[in-house]
Amino acid sequence: MAQIFQNIRSDIWNVIGDESRLVGKLFAKIEQKTGKS
């Protein structure tokens, strides 16, 4: 049972990590656009 929870938790952290990376890329693109103008 504990193993299942560990697997779920690591899956959730992977999803959170992916989303924060996507958000970071998005902000980087926005900064590039605003910096050029």
PDB file of N, CA and C in Angstrom:
ATOM      1  N   MET A   1       0.835  -1.204   0.000  1.00  0.00           N
ATOM      2  CA  MET A   1       0.000   0.000   0.000  1.00  0.00           C
ATOM      3  C   MET A   1       0.868   1.252   0.000  1.00  0.00           C
ATOM      4  N   ALA A   2       1.886   1.283   0.844  1.00  0.00           N
ATOM      5  CA  ALA A   2       2.775   2.447   0.908  1.00  0.00           C
ATOM      6  C   ALA A   2       3.477   2.650  -0.432  1.00  0.00           C
ATOM      7  N   GLN A   3       3.811   1.542  -1.099  1.00  0.00           N
ATOM      8  CA  GLN A   3       4.492   1.632  -2.398  1.00  0.00           C
ATOM      9  C   GLN A   3       3.602   2.332  -3.418  1.00  0.00           C
ATOM     10  N   ILE A   4       2.307   2.028  -3.389  1.00  0.00           N
ATOM     11  CA  ILE A   4       1.368   2.657  -4.331  1.00  0.00           C
ATOM     12  C   ILE A   4       1.346   4.162  -4.096  1.00  0.00           C
ATOM     13  N   PHE A   5       1.286   4.556  -2.827  1.00  0.00           N
ATOM     14  CA  PHE A   5       1.267   5.983  -2.512  1.00  0.00           C
ATOM     15  C   PHE A   5       2.543   6.668  -2.989  1.00  0.00           C
ATOM     16  N   GLN A   6       3.675   5.999  -2.826  1.00  0.00           N
ATOM     17  CA  GLN A   6       4.949   6.574  -3.278  1.00  0.00           C
ATOM     18  C   GLN A   6       4.935   6.760  -4.792  1.00  0.00           C
ATOM     19  N   ASN A   7       4.384   5.773  -5.510  1.00  0.00           N
ATOM     20  CA  ASN A   7       4.322   5.872  -6.970  1.00  0.00           C
ATOM     21  C   ASN A   7       3.426   7.022  -7.394  1.00  0.00           C
ATOM     22  N   ILE A   8       2.268   7.145  -6.749  1.00  0.00           N
ATOM     23  CA  ILE A   8       1.340   8.229  -7.080  1.00  0.00           C
ATOM     24  C   ILE A   8       1.995   9.570  -6.791  1.00  0.00           C
ATOM     25  N   ARG A   9       2.655   9.658  -5.653  1.00  0.00           N
ATOM     26  CA  ARG A   9       3.277  10.926  -5.261  1.00  0.00           C
ATOM     27  C   ARG A   9       4.358  11.324  -6.267  1.00  0.00           C
ATOM     28  N   SER A  10       5.174  10.371  -6.697  1.00  0.00           N
ATOM     29  CA  SER A  10       6.231  10.693  -7.665  1.00  0.00           C
ATOM     30  C   SER A  10       5.617  11.076  -9.009  1.00  0.00           C
ATOM     31  N   ASP A  11       4.504  10.440  -9.389  1.00  0.00           N
ATOM     32  CA  ASP A  11       3.820  10.817 -10.631  1.00  0.00           C
ATOM     33  C   ASP A  11       3.324  12.248 -10.540  1.00  0.00           C
ATOM     34  N   ILE A  12       2.746  12.611  -9.397  1.00  0.00           N
ATOM     35  CA  ILE A  12       2.238  13.972  -9.201  1.00  0.00           C
ATOM     36  C   ILE A  12       3.384  14.967  -9.280  1.00  0.00           C
ATOM     37  N   TRP A  13       4.501  14.657  -8.623  1.00  0.00           N
ATOM     38  CA  TRP A  13       5.651  15.576  -8.659  1.00  0.00           C
ATOM     39  C   TRP A  13       6.177  15.730 -10.079  1.00  0.00           C
ATOM     40  N   ASN A  14       6.141  14.642 -10.873  1.00  0.00           N
ATOM     41  CA  ASN A  14       6.590  14.722 -12.270  1.00  0.00           C
ATOM     42  C   ASN A  14       5.694  15.663 -13.056  1.00  0.00           C
ATOM     43  N   VAL A  15       4.378  15.567 -12.834  1.00  0.00           N
ATOM     44  CA  VAL A  15       3.426  16.435 -13.535  1.00  0.00           C
ATOM     45  C   VAL A  15       3.649  17.882 -13.125  1.00  0.00           C
ATOM     46  N   ILE A  16       3.815  18.118 -11.813  1.00  0.00           N
ATOM     47  CA  ILE A  16       4.045  19.482 -11.321  1.00  0.00           C
ATOM     48  C   ILE A  16       5.333  20.037 -11.922  1.00  0.00           C
ATOM     49  N   GLY A  17       6.372  19.223 -11.971  1.00  0.00           N
ATOM     50  CA  GLY A  17       7.649  19.658 -12.538  1.00  0.00           C
ATOM     51  C   GLY A  17       7.504  20.023 -14.005  1.00  0.00           C
ATOM     52  N   ASP A  18       6.761  19.202 -14.757  1.00  0.00           N
ATOM     53  CA  ASP A  18       6.552  19.491 -16.180  1.00  0.00           C
ATOM     54  C   ASP A  18       5.804  20.800 -16.344  1.00  0.00           C
ATOM     55  N   GLU A  19       4.759  21.011 -15.526  1.00  0.00           N
ATOM     56  CA  GLU A  19       3.950  22.224 -15.656  1.00  0.00           C
ATOM     57  C   GLU A  19       4.766  23.453 -15.318  1.00  0.00           C
ATOM     58  N   SER A  20       5.573  23.392 -14.260  1.00  0.00           N
ATOM     59  CA  SER A  20       6.365  24.563 -13.877  1.00  0.00           C
ATOM     60  C   SER A  20       7.408  24.877 -14.949  1.00  0.00           C
ATOM     61  N   ARG A  21       7.902  23.831 -15.627  1.00  0.00           N
ATOM     62  CA  ARG A  21       8.849  24.064 -16.720  1.00  0.00           C
ATOM     63  C   ARG A  21       8.143  24.741 -17.890  1.00  0.00           C
ATOM     64  N   LEU A  22       6.913  24.297 -18.193  1.00  0.00           N
ATOM     65  CA  LEU A  22       6.146  24.912 -19.274  1.00  0.00           C
ATOM     66  C   LEU A  22       5.861  26.368 -18.949  1.00  0.00           C
ATOM     67  N   VAL A  23       5.478  26.640 -17.710  1.00  0.00           N
ATOM     68  CA  VAL A  23       5.207  28.016 -17.291  1.00  0.00           C
ATOM     69  C   VAL A  23       6.471  28.854 -17.411  1.00  0.00           C
ATOM     70  N   GLY A  24       7.599  28.288 -17.025  1.00  0.00           N
ATOM     71  CA  GLY A  24       8.870  28.995 -17.126  1.00  0.00           C
ATOM     72  C   GLY A  24       9.202  29.340 -18.568  1.00  0.00           C
ATOM     73  N   LYS A  25       8.961  28.395 -19.480  1.00  0.00           N
ATOM     74  CA  LYS A  25       9.210  28.651 -20.900  1.00  0.00           C
ATOM     75  C   LYS A  25       8.288  29.755 -21.401  1.00  0.00           C
ATOM     76  N   LEU A  26       7.034  29.713 -20.959  1.00  0.00           N
ATOM     77  CA  LEU A  26       6.059  30.715 -21.374  1.00  0.00           C
ATOM     78  C   LEU A  26       6.514  32.100 -20.941  1.00  0.00           C
ATOM     79  N   PHE A  27       6.915  32.226 -19.671  1.00  0.00           N
ATOM     80  CA  PHE A  27       7.366  33.522 -19.162  1.00  0.00           C
ATOM     81  C   PHE A  27       8.617  33.986 -19.897  1.00  0.00           C
ATOM     82  N   ALA A  28       9.498  33.069 -20.233  1.00  0.00           N
ATOM     83  CA  ALA A  28      10.711  33.431 -20.967  1.00  0.00           C
ATOM     84  C   ALA A  28      10.350  34.005 -22.334  1.00  0.00           C
ATOM     85  N   LYS A  29       9.365  33.398 -22.996  1.00  0.00           N
ATOM     86  CA  LYS A  29       8.939  33.897 -24.309  1.00  0.00           C
ATOM     87  C   LYS A  29       8.332  35.286 -24.169  1.00  0.00           C
ATOM     88  N   ILE A  30       7.507  35.479 -23.153  1.00  0.00           N
ATOM     89  CA  ILE A  30       6.870  36.786 -22.931  1.00  0.00           C
ATOM     90  C   ILE A  30       7.933  37.836 -22.655  1.00  0.00           C
ATOM     91  N   GLU A  31       8.913  37.494 -21.849  1.00  0.00           N
ATOM     92  CA  GLU A  31       9.984  38.446 -21.524  1.00  0.00           C
ATOM     93  C   GLU A  31      10.773  38.817 -22.773  1.00  0.00           C
ATOM     94  N   GLN A  32      11.018  37.840 -23.639  1.00  0.00           N
ATOM     95  CA  GLN A  32      11.743  38.112 -24.884  1.00  0.00           C
ATOM     96  C   GLN A  32      10.958  39.107 -25.735  1.00  0.00           C
ATOM     97  N   LYS A  33       9.643  38.893 -25.842  1.00  0.00           N
ATOM     98  CA  LYS A  33       8.810  39.760 -26.681  1.00  0.00           C
ATOM     99  C   LYS A  33       8.755  41.173 -26.104  1.00  0.00           C
ATOM    100  N   THR A  34       8.563  41.294 -24.800  1.00  0.00           N
ATOM    101  CA  THR A  34       8.463  42.621 -24.192  1.00  0.00           C
ATOM    102  C   THR A  34       9.824  43.306 -24.180  1.00  0.00           C
ATOM    103  N   GLY A  35      10.895  42.533 -24.091  1.00  0.00           N
ATOM    104  CA  GLY A  35      12.239  43.111 -24.078  1.00  0.00           C
ATOM    105  C   GLY A  35      12.618  43.705 -25.425  1.00  0.00           C
ATOM    106  N   LYS A  36      12.139  43.086 -26.506  1.00  0.00           N
ATOM    107  CA  LYS A  36      12.491  43.561 -27.852  1.00  0.00           C
ATOM    108  C   LYS A  36      11.793  44.875 -28.167  1.00  0.00           C
ATOM    109  N   SER A  37      10.527  45.005 -27.775  1.00  0.00           N
ATOM    110  CA  SER A  37       9.749  46.191 -28.145  1.00  0.00           C
ATOM    111  C   SER A  37      10.170  47.409 -27.347  1.00  0.00           C
TER     112      SER A  37
END
